N, C-alpha and C. Protein backbone atom coordinates (compact mmCIF):
# COMPACT_ATOMS: atom_id res chain seq x y z
N MET A 1 -96.89 1.44 35.32
CA MET A 1 -95.59 1.98 35.01
C MET A 1 -94.55 1.33 35.91
N SER A 2 -93.36 1.11 35.40
CA SER A 2 -92.33 0.45 36.19
C SER A 2 -91.66 1.42 37.16
N LYS A 3 -91.13 0.83 38.24
CA LYS A 3 -90.34 1.61 39.20
C LYS A 3 -89.05 2.06 38.52
N ASN A 4 -88.45 3.10 39.08
CA ASN A 4 -87.12 3.49 38.61
C ASN A 4 -86.12 2.42 39.01
N LEU A 5 -85.24 2.11 38.10
CA LEU A 5 -84.20 1.13 38.40
C LEU A 5 -83.10 1.83 39.18
N VAL A 6 -82.90 1.41 40.41
CA VAL A 6 -81.89 2.07 41.23
C VAL A 6 -80.58 1.29 41.25
N SER A 7 -80.60 0.05 40.89
CA SER A 7 -79.42 -0.78 40.95
C SER A 7 -78.55 -0.59 39.70
N PRO A 8 -77.27 -0.24 39.90
CA PRO A 8 -76.37 -0.14 38.74
C PRO A 8 -76.25 -1.47 38.00
N GLU A 9 -76.33 -2.57 38.75
CA GLU A 9 -76.24 -3.90 38.12
C GLU A 9 -77.40 -4.12 37.15
N LEU A 10 -78.60 -3.71 37.54
CA LEU A 10 -79.75 -3.88 36.66
C LEU A 10 -79.68 -2.98 35.45
N LEU A 11 -79.19 -1.76 35.64
CA LEU A 11 -79.03 -0.86 34.51
C LEU A 11 -78.01 -1.40 33.51
N GLU A 12 -76.90 -1.95 34.02
CA GLU A 12 -75.88 -2.53 33.13
C GLU A 12 -76.43 -3.78 32.43
N ALA A 13 -77.18 -4.59 33.15
CA ALA A 13 -77.77 -5.79 32.55
C ALA A 13 -78.73 -5.41 31.42
N LYS A 14 -79.52 -4.39 31.65
CA LYS A 14 -80.46 -3.92 30.63
C LYS A 14 -79.69 -3.44 29.39
N ARG A 15 -78.60 -2.71 29.62
CA ARG A 15 -77.79 -2.24 28.49
C ARG A 15 -77.23 -3.42 27.71
N PHE A 16 -76.69 -4.40 28.40
CA PHE A 16 -76.08 -5.57 27.77
C PHE A 16 -77.11 -6.41 27.02
N HIS A 17 -78.23 -6.68 27.65
CA HIS A 17 -79.22 -7.63 27.14
C HIS A 17 -80.22 -6.99 26.18
N GLY A 18 -80.45 -5.70 26.32
CA GLY A 18 -81.39 -5.01 25.43
C GLY A 18 -82.70 -4.65 26.10
N HIS A 19 -83.04 -5.33 27.15
CA HIS A 19 -84.22 -5.00 27.95
C HIS A 19 -84.04 -5.67 29.30
N LEU A 20 -84.87 -5.31 30.24
CA LEU A 20 -84.78 -5.89 31.58
C LEU A 20 -86.06 -6.66 31.87
N GLY A 21 -85.93 -7.99 31.86
CA GLY A 21 -87.07 -8.84 32.15
C GLY A 21 -86.78 -9.79 33.29
N PRO A 22 -87.81 -10.47 33.75
CA PRO A 22 -87.67 -11.37 34.91
C PRO A 22 -86.63 -12.48 34.74
N TYR A 23 -86.57 -13.12 33.58
CA TYR A 23 -85.63 -14.23 33.44
C TYR A 23 -84.18 -13.76 33.43
N LEU A 24 -83.91 -12.57 32.92
CA LEU A 24 -82.56 -12.02 33.00
C LEU A 24 -82.16 -11.88 34.47
N VAL A 25 -83.07 -11.35 35.29
CA VAL A 25 -82.79 -11.17 36.71
C VAL A 25 -82.67 -12.51 37.43
N VAL A 26 -83.47 -13.50 37.04
CA VAL A 26 -83.33 -14.83 37.63
C VAL A 26 -81.90 -15.34 37.39
N GLY A 27 -81.40 -15.17 36.17
CA GLY A 27 -80.02 -15.60 35.87
C GLY A 27 -78.99 -14.82 36.66
N MET A 28 -79.23 -13.53 36.84
CA MET A 28 -78.30 -12.71 37.63
C MET A 28 -78.29 -13.16 39.09
N ARG A 29 -79.46 -13.45 39.62
CA ARG A 29 -79.54 -13.89 41.01
C ARG A 29 -78.86 -15.24 41.18
N MET A 30 -79.04 -16.14 40.21
CA MET A 30 -78.33 -17.43 40.24
C MET A 30 -76.83 -17.18 40.21
N GLY A 31 -76.39 -16.35 39.28
CA GLY A 31 -74.98 -16.06 39.14
C GLY A 31 -74.37 -15.48 40.40
N ASN A 32 -75.08 -14.56 41.04
CA ASN A 32 -74.57 -13.98 42.28
C ASN A 32 -74.40 -15.04 43.37
N LEU A 33 -75.32 -15.98 43.44
CA LEU A 33 -75.20 -17.07 44.43
C LEU A 33 -74.01 -17.98 44.09
N PHE A 34 -73.82 -18.27 42.80
CA PHE A 34 -72.67 -19.09 42.41
C PHE A 34 -71.36 -18.41 42.78
N VAL A 35 -71.26 -17.11 42.52
CA VAL A 35 -70.04 -16.37 42.85
C VAL A 35 -69.83 -16.34 44.36
N GLU A 36 -70.89 -16.12 45.11
CA GLU A 36 -70.80 -16.11 46.57
C GLU A 36 -70.30 -17.45 47.10
N PHE A 37 -70.75 -18.53 46.49
CA PHE A 37 -70.42 -19.88 46.95
C PHE A 37 -69.10 -20.40 46.38
N LEU A 38 -68.81 -20.08 45.10
CA LEU A 38 -67.67 -20.68 44.40
C LEU A 38 -66.59 -19.68 43.98
N GLY A 39 -66.86 -18.41 44.11
CA GLY A 39 -65.87 -17.40 43.77
C GLY A 39 -66.04 -16.84 42.37
N ASP A 40 -65.13 -15.94 42.01
CA ASP A 40 -65.24 -15.28 40.71
C ASP A 40 -63.98 -15.46 39.85
N LYS A 41 -63.20 -16.48 40.16
CA LYS A 41 -61.98 -16.74 39.38
C LYS A 41 -62.34 -17.41 38.04
N PRO A 42 -61.92 -16.81 36.92
CA PRO A 42 -62.21 -17.40 35.62
C PRO A 42 -61.69 -18.83 35.49
N PHE A 43 -62.46 -19.66 34.83
CA PHE A 43 -62.13 -21.05 34.52
C PHE A 43 -62.01 -21.94 35.76
N SER A 44 -62.55 -21.49 36.88
CA SER A 44 -62.45 -22.31 38.10
C SER A 44 -63.65 -23.21 38.30
N TYR A 45 -64.74 -22.95 37.61
CA TYR A 45 -65.92 -23.83 37.67
C TYR A 45 -66.74 -23.66 36.40
N ARG A 46 -67.63 -24.60 36.21
CA ARG A 46 -68.51 -24.61 35.05
C ARG A 46 -69.96 -24.62 35.54
N ILE A 47 -70.81 -23.93 34.82
CA ILE A 47 -72.24 -23.89 35.14
C ILE A 47 -72.99 -24.73 34.11
N HIS A 48 -73.92 -25.51 34.59
CA HIS A 48 -74.81 -26.30 33.75
C HIS A 48 -76.22 -25.74 33.96
N ALA A 49 -76.82 -25.19 32.92
CA ALA A 49 -78.16 -24.60 33.02
C ALA A 49 -79.13 -25.38 32.14
N THR A 50 -80.35 -25.55 32.61
CA THR A 50 -81.35 -26.33 31.88
C THR A 50 -82.46 -25.44 31.33
N VAL A 51 -82.10 -24.25 30.89
CA VAL A 51 -83.08 -23.26 30.46
C VAL A 51 -83.36 -23.29 28.96
N GLY A 52 -82.56 -23.99 28.19
CA GLY A 52 -82.74 -24.05 26.74
C GLY A 52 -82.30 -22.76 26.05
N TRP A 53 -82.49 -22.73 24.74
CA TRP A 53 -82.02 -21.61 23.92
C TRP A 53 -83.16 -20.72 23.42
N LYS A 54 -84.39 -20.99 23.83
CA LYS A 54 -85.54 -20.23 23.34
C LYS A 54 -85.98 -19.18 24.36
N PRO A 55 -86.05 -17.91 23.94
CA PRO A 55 -86.53 -16.86 24.84
C PRO A 55 -88.00 -17.09 25.20
N PRO A 56 -88.43 -16.61 26.33
CA PRO A 56 -87.72 -15.81 27.30
C PRO A 56 -86.88 -16.59 28.32
N PRO A 57 -87.09 -17.92 28.55
CA PRO A 57 -86.26 -18.58 29.57
C PRO A 57 -84.76 -18.51 29.28
N SER A 58 -84.37 -18.47 28.01
CA SER A 58 -82.95 -18.41 27.68
C SER A 58 -82.30 -17.10 28.14
N CYS A 59 -83.09 -16.10 28.50
CA CYS A 59 -82.53 -14.85 29.02
C CYS A 59 -81.73 -15.10 30.31
N VAL A 60 -82.02 -16.21 30.99
CA VAL A 60 -81.25 -16.60 32.17
C VAL A 60 -79.77 -16.68 31.82
N ILE A 61 -79.46 -17.14 30.62
CA ILE A 61 -78.07 -17.31 30.19
C ILE A 61 -77.31 -15.98 30.26
N ASP A 62 -77.91 -14.92 29.75
CA ASP A 62 -77.23 -13.62 29.81
C ASP A 62 -77.05 -13.17 31.25
N GLY A 63 -78.03 -13.45 32.11
CA GLY A 63 -77.89 -13.10 33.52
C GLY A 63 -76.71 -13.82 34.16
N LEU A 64 -76.52 -15.09 33.81
CA LEU A 64 -75.38 -15.85 34.33
C LEU A 64 -74.06 -15.27 33.80
N GLN A 65 -74.04 -14.91 32.52
CA GLN A 65 -72.81 -14.39 31.92
C GLN A 65 -72.43 -13.03 32.50
N ILE A 66 -73.41 -12.22 32.84
CA ILE A 66 -73.15 -10.89 33.39
C ILE A 66 -72.54 -10.97 34.79
N THR A 67 -72.93 -11.97 35.56
CA THR A 67 -72.60 -11.99 36.98
C THR A 67 -71.52 -12.99 37.38
N THR A 68 -71.12 -13.87 36.48
CA THR A 68 -70.12 -14.90 36.83
C THR A 68 -68.94 -14.83 35.87
N PRO A 69 -67.87 -15.57 36.17
CA PRO A 69 -66.76 -15.64 35.22
C PRO A 69 -67.04 -16.63 34.09
N CYS A 70 -68.21 -17.23 34.10
CA CYS A 70 -68.57 -18.25 33.12
C CYS A 70 -69.38 -17.63 31.98
N THR A 71 -69.00 -17.97 30.76
CA THR A 71 -69.75 -17.51 29.58
C THR A 71 -69.91 -18.65 28.60
N VAL A 72 -70.80 -18.47 27.66
CA VAL A 72 -70.94 -19.45 26.58
C VAL A 72 -69.66 -19.42 25.73
N GLY A 73 -69.13 -18.23 25.52
CA GLY A 73 -67.93 -18.07 24.70
C GLY A 73 -66.69 -18.74 25.26
N ASN A 74 -66.54 -18.76 26.60
CA ASN A 74 -65.37 -19.44 27.17
C ASN A 74 -65.67 -20.89 27.53
N SER A 75 -66.82 -21.37 27.08
CA SER A 75 -67.24 -22.78 27.26
C SER A 75 -67.43 -23.18 28.72
N MET A 76 -67.64 -22.23 29.59
CA MET A 76 -67.83 -22.56 31.00
C MET A 76 -69.31 -22.58 31.39
N ILE A 77 -70.20 -22.34 30.42
CA ILE A 77 -71.64 -22.53 30.63
C ILE A 77 -72.12 -23.55 29.61
N ARG A 78 -72.78 -24.57 30.11
CA ARG A 78 -73.38 -25.59 29.25
C ARG A 78 -74.89 -25.41 29.36
N ILE A 79 -75.57 -25.39 28.22
CA ILE A 79 -77.01 -25.17 28.19
C ILE A 79 -77.70 -26.42 27.67
N GLU A 80 -78.76 -26.80 28.35
CA GLU A 80 -79.58 -27.92 27.96
C GLU A 80 -81.03 -27.47 27.98
N ALA A 81 -81.83 -28.04 27.12
CA ALA A 81 -83.25 -27.69 27.09
C ALA A 81 -84.05 -28.74 27.86
N LEU A 82 -84.39 -28.40 29.08
CA LEU A 82 -85.26 -29.25 29.89
C LEU A 82 -86.43 -28.40 30.37
N GLU A 83 -87.28 -28.96 31.17
CA GLU A 83 -88.46 -28.23 31.61
C GLU A 83 -88.19 -27.25 32.74
N ASP A 84 -87.11 -27.43 33.48
CA ASP A 84 -86.84 -26.60 34.64
C ASP A 84 -86.10 -25.32 34.29
N ILE A 85 -86.31 -24.30 35.10
CA ILE A 85 -85.45 -23.12 35.08
C ILE A 85 -84.50 -23.38 36.25
N ALA A 86 -83.37 -24.02 35.92
CA ALA A 86 -82.45 -24.48 36.96
C ALA A 86 -81.02 -24.41 36.44
N ALA A 87 -80.09 -24.40 37.40
CA ALA A 87 -78.67 -24.43 37.06
C ALA A 87 -77.91 -24.98 38.26
N TRP A 88 -76.76 -25.57 37.97
CA TRP A 88 -75.88 -26.02 39.04
C TRP A 88 -74.45 -25.75 38.63
N ALA A 89 -73.61 -25.63 39.64
CA ALA A 89 -72.18 -25.41 39.40
C ALA A 89 -71.39 -26.25 40.39
N LEU A 90 -70.23 -26.69 39.94
CA LEU A 90 -69.38 -27.57 40.73
C LEU A 90 -67.94 -27.08 40.67
N LYS A 91 -67.28 -27.04 41.85
CA LYS A 91 -65.88 -26.65 41.93
C LYS A 91 -65.24 -27.40 43.09
N ASP A 92 -64.19 -28.15 42.79
CA ASP A 92 -63.44 -28.86 43.83
C ASP A 92 -64.34 -29.64 44.78
N GLY A 93 -65.32 -30.33 44.21
CA GLY A 93 -66.22 -31.14 45.02
C GLY A 93 -67.35 -30.37 45.69
N LYS A 94 -67.35 -29.04 45.58
CA LYS A 94 -68.43 -28.22 46.12
C LYS A 94 -69.45 -27.99 45.01
N LYS A 95 -70.71 -28.28 45.30
CA LYS A 95 -71.76 -28.13 44.30
C LYS A 95 -72.90 -27.29 44.87
N LEU A 96 -73.41 -26.41 44.04
CA LEU A 96 -74.59 -25.62 44.38
C LEU A 96 -75.59 -25.77 43.26
N SER A 97 -76.80 -26.20 43.62
CA SER A 97 -77.89 -26.37 42.65
C SER A 97 -79.01 -25.40 42.98
N LEU A 98 -79.52 -24.75 41.94
CA LEU A 98 -80.58 -23.76 42.11
C LEU A 98 -81.70 -24.05 41.12
N GLN A 99 -82.93 -24.04 41.61
CA GLN A 99 -84.09 -24.21 40.74
C GLN A 99 -85.11 -23.12 41.08
N LEU A 100 -85.56 -22.40 40.07
CA LEU A 100 -86.59 -21.40 40.27
C LEU A 100 -87.84 -22.10 40.81
N HIS A 101 -88.42 -21.56 41.88
CA HIS A 101 -89.65 -22.15 42.41
C HIS A 101 -90.69 -22.22 41.29
N PRO A 102 -91.33 -23.38 41.12
CA PRO A 102 -92.30 -23.54 40.03
C PRO A 102 -93.42 -22.49 40.04
N HIS A 103 -93.88 -22.09 41.22
CA HIS A 103 -94.95 -21.07 41.26
C HIS A 103 -94.47 -19.73 40.71
N LEU A 104 -93.18 -19.42 40.88
CA LEU A 104 -92.65 -18.17 40.32
C LEU A 104 -92.51 -18.26 38.81
N ARG A 105 -92.10 -19.42 38.32
CA ARG A 105 -92.02 -19.59 36.87
C ARG A 105 -93.41 -19.40 36.26
N GLU A 106 -94.40 -19.99 36.87
CA GLU A 106 -95.76 -19.85 36.37
C GLU A 106 -96.20 -18.38 36.40
N LYS A 107 -95.88 -17.69 37.49
CA LYS A 107 -96.24 -16.28 37.61
C LYS A 107 -95.53 -15.45 36.53
N ILE A 108 -94.24 -15.71 36.33
CA ILE A 108 -93.48 -14.98 35.29
C ILE A 108 -94.11 -15.23 33.92
N ASP A 109 -94.36 -16.50 33.61
CA ASP A 109 -94.87 -16.86 32.28
C ASP A 109 -96.28 -16.31 32.03
N LEU A 110 -97.11 -16.26 33.05
CA LEU A 110 -98.49 -15.84 32.87
C LEU A 110 -98.72 -14.35 33.05
N GLN A 111 -97.89 -13.68 33.84
CA GLN A 111 -98.19 -12.31 34.22
C GLN A 111 -97.24 -11.25 33.66
N THR A 112 -96.14 -11.65 33.03
CA THR A 112 -95.20 -10.65 32.52
C THR A 112 -95.73 -10.02 31.23
N THR A 113 -95.71 -8.69 31.21
CA THR A 113 -96.08 -7.94 30.01
C THR A 113 -94.97 -6.93 29.74
N LYS A 114 -94.99 -6.32 28.57
CA LYS A 114 -94.02 -5.27 28.27
C LYS A 114 -94.14 -4.12 29.28
N GLU A 115 -95.35 -3.86 29.73
CA GLU A 115 -95.58 -2.75 30.65
C GLU A 115 -95.05 -3.02 32.06
N ASN A 116 -95.04 -4.28 32.49
CA ASN A 116 -94.63 -4.56 33.87
C ASN A 116 -93.31 -5.32 34.00
N GLU A 117 -92.64 -5.64 32.88
CA GLU A 117 -91.46 -6.50 32.97
C GLU A 117 -90.35 -5.90 33.84
N GLU A 118 -90.13 -4.60 33.79
CA GLU A 118 -89.06 -4.01 34.59
C GLU A 118 -89.42 -3.98 36.08
N SER A 119 -90.65 -3.67 36.40
CA SER A 119 -91.03 -3.66 37.82
C SER A 119 -91.03 -5.08 38.37
N PHE A 120 -91.44 -6.04 37.57
CA PHE A 120 -91.40 -7.45 37.99
C PHE A 120 -89.95 -7.89 38.19
N ALA A 121 -89.07 -7.50 37.27
CA ALA A 121 -87.65 -7.83 37.39
C ALA A 121 -87.06 -7.22 38.67
N GLN A 122 -87.41 -5.98 38.94
CA GLN A 122 -86.93 -5.30 40.15
C GLN A 122 -87.41 -6.05 41.40
N GLU A 123 -88.65 -6.49 41.39
CA GLU A 123 -89.22 -7.26 42.52
C GLU A 123 -88.40 -8.54 42.75
N LEU A 124 -88.07 -9.25 41.67
CA LEU A 124 -87.27 -10.48 41.79
C LEU A 124 -85.86 -10.18 42.28
N TRP A 125 -85.30 -9.04 41.86
CA TRP A 125 -83.96 -8.63 42.28
C TRP A 125 -83.90 -8.43 43.79
N GLU A 126 -84.97 -7.92 44.36
CA GLU A 126 -85.02 -7.59 45.79
C GLU A 126 -85.50 -8.75 46.67
N MET A 127 -86.01 -9.81 46.08
CA MET A 127 -86.56 -10.93 46.82
C MET A 127 -85.46 -11.78 47.46
N PRO A 128 -85.65 -12.26 48.69
CA PRO A 128 -84.66 -13.16 49.29
C PRO A 128 -84.46 -14.42 48.43
N ALA A 129 -83.23 -14.89 48.37
CA ALA A 129 -82.89 -16.04 47.51
C ALA A 129 -83.75 -17.26 47.82
N ALA A 130 -84.03 -17.51 49.07
CA ALA A 130 -84.83 -18.69 49.44
C ALA A 130 -86.26 -18.60 48.93
N GLU A 131 -86.75 -17.38 48.68
CA GLU A 131 -88.09 -17.21 48.13
C GLU A 131 -88.09 -17.39 46.61
N LEU A 132 -86.92 -17.27 45.99
CA LEU A 132 -86.79 -17.43 44.54
C LEU A 132 -86.50 -18.87 44.14
N PHE A 133 -85.61 -19.52 44.89
CA PHE A 133 -85.05 -20.79 44.45
C PHE A 133 -85.18 -21.90 45.47
N ASN A 134 -85.27 -23.12 44.96
CA ASN A 134 -84.95 -24.30 45.74
C ASN A 134 -83.42 -24.36 45.68
N ILE A 135 -82.77 -24.33 46.83
CA ILE A 135 -81.32 -24.28 46.90
C ILE A 135 -80.82 -25.57 47.52
N GLU A 136 -79.99 -26.28 46.78
CA GLU A 136 -79.40 -27.52 47.28
C GLU A 136 -77.89 -27.37 47.35
N GLN A 137 -77.39 -27.54 48.53
CA GLN A 137 -75.95 -27.46 48.77
C GLN A 137 -75.59 -28.67 49.62
N PRO A 138 -75.06 -29.73 48.99
CA PRO A 138 -74.73 -30.93 49.76
C PRO A 138 -73.75 -30.62 50.88
N PRO A 139 -73.88 -31.33 51.99
CA PRO A 139 -72.93 -31.11 53.09
C PRO A 139 -71.50 -31.44 52.66
N PRO A 140 -70.51 -30.77 53.28
CA PRO A 140 -69.10 -31.02 52.92
C PRO A 140 -68.65 -32.41 53.28
């Protein structure tokens, strides 16, 4: 059985997306890092994500839209279908690149079930960013 969701952000994400799974939370965690690094001003940066349009990895897109000023509708998120669960954003020469650690992607893909998806998502929500992502931030 899943843990109770205590985070208002996760409850809102579940309402928006329809369910709460690991890839939605991965996108939210990416989005929170982008906002922390680049701000939350609309149209000030664009996100490039390589998650594709096929679920479940495409759930990252909704996580990005929930947490950043960038959406598919305002053309500030570009989606490409590559093998990585990764995204980068650039603003005024500042770039932040994030890639889900491959071992976590494998764990998500092999171990997520309907019964554990919310508790797994909660675990990812609480995990330190460095344990979730390879983070590249070029020096200024």
